[in-house]
Amino acid sequence: MALVRLFAAARTAAGTARDQVPGGTVAEVIDGTVARYGPDYAAVLASCKVWLNGVEVPGDTPVGDDDEIGVLPPVSGGAA
C-alpha cells in the first residue's frame, strides 16, 4: 500500500494528514481515498495536484509499497 500524504484543504476534508491506501496505480490509490473520505474530500481533490515521490505523474503510473503520493491543493496568499 502506498503512503498518501494530504496537505492543506485536502487534509482538512479527509480529517487526516496521512494514510496507507491500497492500489496498483496512482489513480487507483486516489479513487480509494475518495471512497474512504467522501464527497467533501472529492470536491477539494478536483482542484489538487497529485504527485508521486515528488513528481507530477499520470494516473496510470504504477505504485508500490515504498511510494508516497502527495495530494496538494492550490496555494494562495502572499504579501499585500
C-alpha atoms as a PDB file:
ATOM      1  CA  MET A   1       0.000   0.000   0.000  1.00  0.00           C
ATOM      2  CA  ALA A   2       1.248   3.442  -0.886  1.00  0.00           C
ATOM      3  CA  LEU A   3       1.526   6.180   1.714  1.00  0.00           C
ATOM      4  CA  VAL A   4      -0.781   9.088   0.885  1.00  0.00           C
ATOM      5  CA  ARG A   5       0.102  12.494   2.328  1.00  0.00           C
ATOM      6  CA  LEU A   6      -2.623  15.118   2.332  1.00  0.00           C
ATOM      7  CA  PHE A   7      -1.950  18.833   2.599  1.00  0.00           C
ATOM      8  CA  ALA A   8      -3.968  21.948   3.486  1.00  0.00           C
ATOM      9  CA  ALA A   9      -7.658  21.715   2.451  1.00  0.00           C
ATOM     10  CA  ALA A  10      -7.278  18.059   1.414  1.00  0.00           C
ATOM     11  CA  ARG A  11      -6.035  17.227   4.902  1.00  0.00           C
ATOM     12  CA  THR A  12      -8.924  19.126   6.473  1.00  0.00           C
ATOM     13  CA  ALA A  13     -11.541  17.443   4.277  1.00  0.00           C
ATOM     14  CA  ALA A  14     -10.101  13.970   4.927  1.00  0.00           C
ATOM     15  CA  GLY A  15      -9.549  14.517   8.631  1.00  0.00           C
ATOM     16  CA  THR A  16      -6.016  13.129   8.449  1.00  0.00           C
ATOM     17  CA  ALA A  17      -2.601  14.125   7.148  1.00  0.00           C
ATOM     18  CA  ARG A  18      -1.520  10.656   6.022  1.00  0.00           C
ATOM     19  CA  ASP A  19      -2.910   7.223   5.342  1.00  0.00           C
ATOM     20  CA  GLN A  20      -1.989   3.906   3.748  1.00  0.00           C
ATOM     21  CA  VAL A  21      -4.286   3.241   0.773  1.00  0.00           C
ATOM     22  CA  PRO A  22      -4.218   0.155  -1.467  1.00  0.00           C
ATOM     23  CA  GLY A  23      -3.991   0.372  -5.242  1.00  0.00           C
ATOM     24  CA  GLY A  24      -1.732  -0.611  -8.109  1.00  0.00           C
ATOM     25  CA  THR A  25      -1.668   2.797  -9.825  1.00  0.00           C
ATOM     26  CA  VAL A  26      -1.836   6.410  -8.718  1.00  0.00           C
ATOM     27  CA  ALA A  27      -5.450   6.621  -9.965  1.00  0.00           C
ATOM     28  CA  GLU A  28      -6.488   3.503  -8.027  1.00  0.00           C
ATOM     29  CA  VAL A  29      -4.999   4.900  -4.827  1.00  0.00           C
ATOM     30  CA  ILE A  30      -6.668   8.280  -5.359  1.00  0.00           C
ATOM     31  CA  ASP A  31     -10.001   6.542  -6.072  1.00  0.00           C
ATOM     32  CA  GLY A  32      -9.503   4.712  -2.780  1.00  0.00           C
ATOM     33  CA  THR A  33      -9.082   7.995  -0.939  1.00  0.00           C
ATOM     34  CA  VAL A  34     -12.336   9.300  -2.456  1.00  0.00           C
ATOM     35  CA  ALA A  35     -14.171   6.159  -1.335  1.00  0.00           C
ATOM     36  CA  ARG A  36     -12.660   6.489   2.137  1.00  0.00           C
ATOM     37  CA  TYR A  37     -13.106  10.249   2.714  1.00  0.00           C
ATOM     38  CA  GLY A  38     -16.288  11.073   0.803  1.00  0.00           C
ATOM     39  CA  PRO A  39     -17.771  13.909  -1.239  1.00  0.00           C
ATOM     40  CA  ASP A  40     -16.268  16.875   0.626  1.00  0.00           C
ATOM     41  CA  TYR A  41     -12.815  15.458   0.033  1.00  0.00           C
ATOM     42  CA  ALA A  42     -13.680  14.683  -3.606  1.00  0.00           C
ATOM     43  CA  ALA A  43     -14.675  18.326  -4.137  1.00  0.00           C
ATOM     44  CA  VAL A  44     -11.299  19.505  -2.828  1.00  0.00           C
ATOM     45  CA  LEU A  45      -9.458  16.834  -4.828  1.00  0.00           C
ATOM     46  CA  ALA A  46     -10.869  18.243  -8.074  1.00  0.00           C
ATOM     47  CA  SER A  47      -8.504  21.235  -7.807  1.00  0.00           C
ATOM     48  CA  CYS A  48      -5.467  19.370  -6.419  1.00  0.00           C
ATOM     49  CA  LYS A  49      -2.206  18.294  -7.957  1.00  0.00           C
ATOM     50  CA  VAL A  50      -1.240  14.690  -7.290  1.00  0.00           C
ATOM     51  CA  TRP A  51       2.427  13.824  -7.079  1.00  0.00           C
ATOM     52  CA  LEU A  52       4.224  10.507  -6.791  1.00  0.00           C
ATOM     53  CA  ASN A  53       7.510  10.742  -4.895  1.00  0.00           C
ATOM     54  CA  GLY A  54       7.656  14.494  -5.533  1.00  0.00           C
ATOM     55  CA  VAL A  55       6.879  14.377  -9.267  1.00  0.00           C
ATOM     56  CA  GLU A  56       3.581  15.049 -11.029  1.00  0.00           C
ATOM     57  CA  VAL A  57       2.707  11.873 -12.956  1.00  0.00           C
ATOM     58  CA  PRO A  58      -0.232  10.457 -14.941  1.00  0.00           C
ATOM     59  CA  GLY A  59      -2.854   8.409 -13.123  1.00  0.00           C
ATOM     60  CA  ASP A  60      -1.819   5.150 -14.765  1.00  0.00           C
ATOM     61  CA  THR A  61       1.646   5.279 -13.159  1.00  0.00           C
ATOM     62  CA  PRO A  62       2.262   2.123 -11.074  1.00  0.00           C
ATOM     63  CA  VAL A  63       2.808   2.471  -7.323  1.00  0.00           C
ATOM     64  CA  GLY A  64       4.426   0.197  -4.771  1.00  0.00           C
ATOM     65  CA  ASP A  65       4.696  -0.091  -1.012  1.00  0.00           C
ATOM     66  CA  ASP A  66       7.665   2.277  -0.838  1.00  0.00           C
ATOM     67  CA  ASP A  67       5.951   5.061  -2.797  1.00  0.00           C
ATOM     68  CA  GLU A  68       4.477   8.272  -1.436  1.00  0.00           C
ATOM     69  CA  ILE A  69       1.567  10.044  -3.108  1.00  0.00           C
ATOM     70  CA  GLY A  70       1.081  13.711  -2.235  1.00  0.00           C
ATOM     71  CA  VAL A  71      -2.264  15.497  -2.668  1.00  0.00           C
ATOM     72  CA  LEU A  72      -1.596  19.227  -2.909  1.00  0.00           C
ATOM     73  CA  PRO A  73      -4.379  21.817  -3.187  1.00  0.00           C
ATOM     74  CA  PRO A  74      -3.605  25.136  -4.882  1.00  0.00           C
ATOM     75  CA  VAL A  75      -1.742  27.590  -2.687  1.00  0.00           C
ATOM     76  CA  SER A  76      -2.671  31.229  -2.469  1.00  0.00           C
ATOM     77  CA  GLY A  77      -1.553  34.153  -0.397  1.00  0.00           C
ATOM     78  CA  GLY A  78       1.434  36.392  -0.220  1.00  0.00           C
ATOM     79  CA  ALA A  79       2.186  39.913   0.843  1.00  0.00           C
ATOM     80  CA  ALA A  80      -0.354  42.605   0.171  1.00  0.00           C
END
